[in-house]
Amino acid sequence: MIREKILLFSLVCLLAACTSHDYDTGDGKLSYMRADFALAHSNAVGSIDYIDTDEGNRVFFASPYSSDWVVTADSLYRVLAYYDATTTGTTNKVHSMVQLITLEPKPTENVKEPVYDPIKNVETAWISANGKFLNLGLRIMTGATDDDTVRQSVGMLIDERTENDDHTKHLQLRLFHNQNGVPEYYSSLVYISIPTADMVAGDGLKVLVNTYEGWKEWNFEF
């Protein structure tokens, strides 16, 4: 199963991990680096031995990748992987791997007090090439606080679900966001993924996000 935290999660680890990755031009040490959204597989000892990219490529690693967030053997993790790729289907080095949070949408009525605090903006939104995920790049305001227990939280709620006569469906999703008193000194880019593997041709999806400029929406057709 994909290791996931449903509905609410701490943003601290993601905000700390979202750093820029500069690379050399020409034939330098990072000339062959690429970045892919993928599902990463952990082997019997709890290290990542290969990834399945959203474009449908399986990439094996010469040396398994270990991290403190890889806690379960023989599992799948949603990741953004930076790696060298000089030959199709293989790689000679992993530079870094960031675990992404997968949010399974939950009915709004299941949440006692939904919170929709604004974020700065949605920098990017797209359906993965394999159709299995809706990916959002969120610009979220954050800052240091003296209280280490204060955390932001986000989730994805289902506002509406309708089914047509041909059994295609339409979902309206709304981003849950609780700033929870975290200072808003600067923005950080956080990627989240929402599973869409059960969507079929003809299905529709609307996503609503509250920003500092008001509510915005994104529409997708499958």
Protein backbone atom coordinates (compact mmCIF):
# COMPACT_ATOMS: atom_id res chain seq x y z
CA MET A 1 0.00 0.00 0.00
CA ILE A 2 1.06 3.61 -0.49
CA ARG A 3 2.24 4.99 2.81
CA GLU A 4 -0.19 7.87 3.32
CA LYS A 5 -1.59 10.12 6.00
CA ILE A 6 -5.28 10.63 5.41
CA LEU A 7 -6.80 14.11 5.70
CA LEU A 8 -4.40 15.90 8.07
CA PHE A 9 -0.63 16.02 8.20
CA SER A 10 2.27 18.06 9.50
CA LEU A 11 3.86 20.31 6.91
CA VAL A 12 7.15 20.70 8.73
CA CYS A 13 9.04 17.89 7.02
CA LEU A 14 7.84 18.95 3.57
CA LEU A 15 8.64 22.61 4.06
CA ALA A 16 12.13 21.71 5.22
CA ALA A 17 12.63 19.46 2.21
CA CYS A 18 11.51 21.92 -0.47
CA THR A 19 14.82 23.37 -1.56
CA SER A 20 16.04 24.40 -4.98
CA HIS A 21 18.24 21.99 -6.91
CA ASP A 22 20.76 23.79 -9.15
CA TYR A 23 22.61 21.76 -11.71
CA ASP A 24 25.54 22.25 -14.03
CA THR A 25 25.30 22.80 -17.74
CA GLY A 26 27.36 20.76 -20.16
CA ASP A 27 28.81 17.44 -19.05
CA GLY A 28 29.22 18.18 -15.36
CA LYS A 29 28.45 15.91 -12.44
CA LEU A 30 24.73 16.79 -12.54
CA SER A 31 24.33 17.01 -16.31
CA TYR A 32 22.22 13.85 -16.47
CA MET A 33 19.98 14.60 -13.52
CA ARG A 34 16.23 14.57 -13.98
CA ALA A 35 13.29 14.89 -11.62
CA ASP A 36 10.23 12.63 -11.73
CA PHE A 37 7.06 12.20 -9.73
CA ALA A 38 6.80 8.50 -9.05
CA LEU A 39 5.89 5.61 -6.82
CA ALA A 40 9.00 4.31 -5.05
CA HIS A 41 9.32 0.66 -4.01
CA SER A 42 11.08 -0.34 -0.80
CA ASN A 43 12.92 -3.65 -0.75
CA ALA A 44 13.08 -6.33 1.94
CA VAL A 45 15.41 -4.26 4.11
CA GLY A 46 13.47 -1.00 3.77
CA SER A 47 15.49 0.83 1.11
CA ILE A 48 14.20 2.19 -2.21
CA ASP A 49 15.39 -0.08 -5.03
CA TYR A 50 13.32 1.27 -7.93
CA ILE A 51 10.67 3.81 -8.90
CA ASP A 52 7.75 3.70 -11.32
CA THR A 53 7.49 7.16 -12.85
CA ASP A 54 4.22 8.81 -13.78
CA GLU A 55 5.30 8.51 -17.43
CA GLY A 56 5.33 4.72 -17.11
CA ASN A 57 9.05 4.04 -16.78
CA ARG A 58 10.50 1.69 -14.19
CA VAL A 59 13.89 2.96 -13.05
CA PHE A 60 16.19 0.66 -11.07
CA PHE A 61 18.89 2.05 -8.79
CA ALA A 62 22.40 0.66 -8.73
CA SER A 63 22.56 1.45 -5.01
CA PRO A 64 19.30 1.38 -2.97
CA TYR A 65 18.28 4.72 -1.47
CA SER A 66 17.72 4.94 2.30
CA SER A 67 15.93 7.63 4.31
CA ASP A 68 14.34 7.92 7.72
CA TRP A 69 10.89 8.17 6.10
CA VAL A 70 11.26 4.73 4.51
CA VAL A 71 10.01 2.75 7.49
CA THR A 72 8.27 -0.26 5.95
CA ALA A 73 9.74 -2.98 3.74
CA ASP A 74 8.05 -3.98 0.49
CA SER A 75 5.86 -0.86 0.34
CA LEU A 76 5.16 1.97 -2.08
CA TYR A 77 5.82 5.64 -1.36
CA ARG A 78 4.76 8.66 -3.39
CA VAL A 79 7.93 10.65 -4.16
CA LEU A 80 9.63 13.32 -6.19
CA ALA A 81 12.94 11.73 -7.19
CA TYR A 82 16.08 13.49 -8.45
CA TYR A 83 18.42 11.06 -10.15
CA ASP A 84 20.87 10.52 -12.99
CA ALA A 85 19.43 8.75 -16.02
CA THR A 86 21.87 7.99 -18.79
CA THR A 87 20.17 4.83 -20.09
CA THR A 88 16.46 4.16 -20.43
CA GLY A 89 15.17 2.13 -17.49
CA THR A 90 18.35 2.42 -15.45
CA THR A 91 20.12 5.01 -13.33
CA ASN A 92 23.59 5.29 -11.89
CA LYS A 93 22.91 7.61 -8.96
CA VAL A 94 20.10 9.00 -6.82
CA HIS A 95 20.73 12.61 -5.78
CA SER A 96 17.75 13.00 -3.48
CA MET A 97 14.17 11.86 -2.95
CA VAL A 98 11.36 13.78 -1.28
CA GLN A 99 8.36 11.93 0.09
CA LEU A 100 5.07 13.43 -1.06
CA ILE A 101 1.89 13.27 0.95
CA THR A 102 -1.02 11.42 -0.65
CA LEU A 103 -4.40 12.76 0.43
CA GLU A 104 -7.41 10.48 0.08
CA PRO A 105 -10.48 12.76 -0.28
CA LYS A 106 -13.03 12.42 2.52
CA PRO A 107 -16.67 13.59 2.64
CA THR A 108 -17.02 17.06 4.15
CA GLU A 109 -19.66 15.80 6.58
CA ASN A 110 -17.05 13.51 8.14
CA VAL A 111 -15.15 16.56 9.41
CA LYS A 112 -16.64 18.21 12.48
CA GLU A 113 -15.33 21.72 11.77
CA PRO A 114 -13.87 22.17 8.26
CA VAL A 115 -11.33 24.98 8.05
CA TYR A 116 -10.48 26.76 4.81
CA ASP A 117 -7.71 29.20 5.70
CA PRO A 118 -6.25 30.78 2.56
CA ILE A 119 -2.93 29.81 1.01
CA LYS A 120 -0.82 32.11 -1.15
CA ASN A 121 -1.65 30.34 -4.41
CA VAL A 122 -1.69 27.12 -6.38
CA GLU A 123 1.44 27.24 -8.48
CA THR A 124 0.62 24.21 -10.60
CA ALA A 125 -2.11 21.58 -10.95
CA TRP A 126 -2.14 18.59 -13.29
CA ILE A 127 -3.24 15.00 -13.75
CA SER A 128 -0.28 12.61 -13.92
CA ALA A 129 0.51 11.05 -17.28
CA ASN A 130 -0.70 7.65 -16.07
CA GLY A 131 -3.95 9.14 -14.76
CA LYS A 132 -3.39 7.84 -11.23
CA PHE A 133 -2.91 11.15 -9.40
CA LEU A 134 -4.00 14.74 -9.34
CA ASN A 135 -0.93 16.74 -8.30
CA LEU A 136 -1.01 20.20 -6.74
CA GLY A 137 1.92 22.52 -6.10
CA LEU A 138 0.78 24.71 -3.19
CA ARG A 139 2.45 27.95 -2.09
CA ILE A 140 1.83 27.94 1.65
CA MET A 141 2.86 30.71 4.01
CA THR A 142 4.96 29.63 6.96
CA GLY A 143 7.51 30.84 9.49
CA ALA A 144 9.41 29.92 12.62
CA THR A 145 7.55 29.71 15.93
CA ASP A 146 8.68 29.22 19.51
CA ASP A 147 6.06 26.50 19.96
CA ASP A 148 7.27 23.30 18.29
CA THR A 149 3.81 21.74 18.66
CA VAL A 150 2.16 24.28 16.35
CA ARG A 151 1.62 22.73 12.93
CA GLN A 152 -0.36 23.56 9.83
CA SER A 153 -2.61 20.89 8.37
CA VAL A 154 -4.23 20.28 5.02
CA GLY A 155 -6.63 17.74 3.59
CA MET A 156 -8.97 17.20 0.66
CA LEU A 157 -12.73 17.15 1.21
CA ILE A 158 -15.50 15.98 -1.12
CA ASP A 159 -18.12 18.74 -1.36
CA GLU A 160 -20.30 17.14 -4.01
CA ARG A 161 -20.53 13.86 -5.87
CA THR A 162 -22.94 13.35 -8.76
CA GLU A 163 -23.44 10.38 -11.08
CA ASN A 164 -24.77 10.60 -14.63
CA ASP A 165 -27.08 8.19 -16.42
CA ASP A 166 -24.07 6.63 -18.16
CA HIS A 167 -22.51 6.01 -14.71
CA THR A 168 -19.79 8.60 -15.19
CA LYS A 169 -19.30 10.75 -12.13
CA HIS A 170 -18.31 14.27 -11.17
CA LEU A 171 -16.53 15.17 -7.94
CA GLN A 172 -16.11 18.59 -6.39
CA LEU A 173 -13.14 18.72 -4.02
CA ARG A 174 -12.24 21.52 -1.62
CA LEU A 175 -8.85 22.01 0.02
CA PHE A 176 -8.97 21.90 3.82
CA HIS A 177 -6.27 24.15 5.30
CA ASN A 178 -5.73 25.11 8.92
CA GLN A 179 -2.98 27.72 9.40
CA ASN A 180 -3.26 26.99 13.15
CA GLY A 181 -1.39 30.08 14.23
CA VAL A 182 1.78 29.37 12.25
CA PRO A 183 3.43 32.72 11.29
CA GLU A 184 3.11 33.77 7.65
CA TYR A 185 6.57 35.21 7.00
CA TYR A 186 7.42 33.52 3.71
CA SER A 187 5.99 31.02 1.24
CA SER A 188 7.18 27.50 0.57
CA LEU A 189 6.21 25.19 -2.29
CA VAL A 190 4.59 21.94 -1.13
CA TYR A 191 3.48 19.18 -3.50
CA ILE A 192 0.55 16.93 -2.66
CA SER A 193 -1.02 14.08 -4.64
CA ILE A 194 -4.66 12.96 -4.70
CA PRO A 195 -5.39 9.44 -6.03
CA THR A 196 -7.51 9.42 -9.21
CA ALA A 197 -7.01 5.83 -10.38
CA ASP A 198 -10.73 5.11 -9.97
CA MET A 199 -11.70 7.89 -12.38
CA VAL A 200 -12.74 6.67 -15.85
CA ALA A 201 -13.23 8.27 -19.25
CA GLY A 202 -16.03 10.82 -19.02
CA ASP A 203 -15.55 11.53 -15.30
CA GLY A 204 -15.02 15.10 -14.15
CA LEU A 205 -13.19 16.68 -11.25
CA LYS A 206 -13.37 20.22 -9.85
CA VAL A 207 -10.92 21.43 -7.21
CA LEU A 208 -11.59 24.54 -5.12
CA VAL A 209 -8.81 26.27 -3.19
CA ASN A 210 -9.06 29.36 -1.01
CA THR A 211 -6.20 31.81 -1.74
CA TYR A 212 -5.37 35.32 -0.57
CA GLU A 213 -7.09 36.49 -3.76
CA GLY A 214 -10.25 34.52 -3.03
CA TRP A 215 -11.56 31.12 -4.06
CA LYS A 216 -10.12 29.65 -7.27
CA GLU A 217 -11.09 26.52 -9.15
CA TRP A 218 -9.48 23.98 -11.47
CA ASN A 219 -11.47 21.60 -13.67
CA PHE A 220 -10.28 18.29 -15.11
CA GLU A 221 -11.90 15.81 -17.50
CA PHE A 222 -10.85 12.17 -17.79
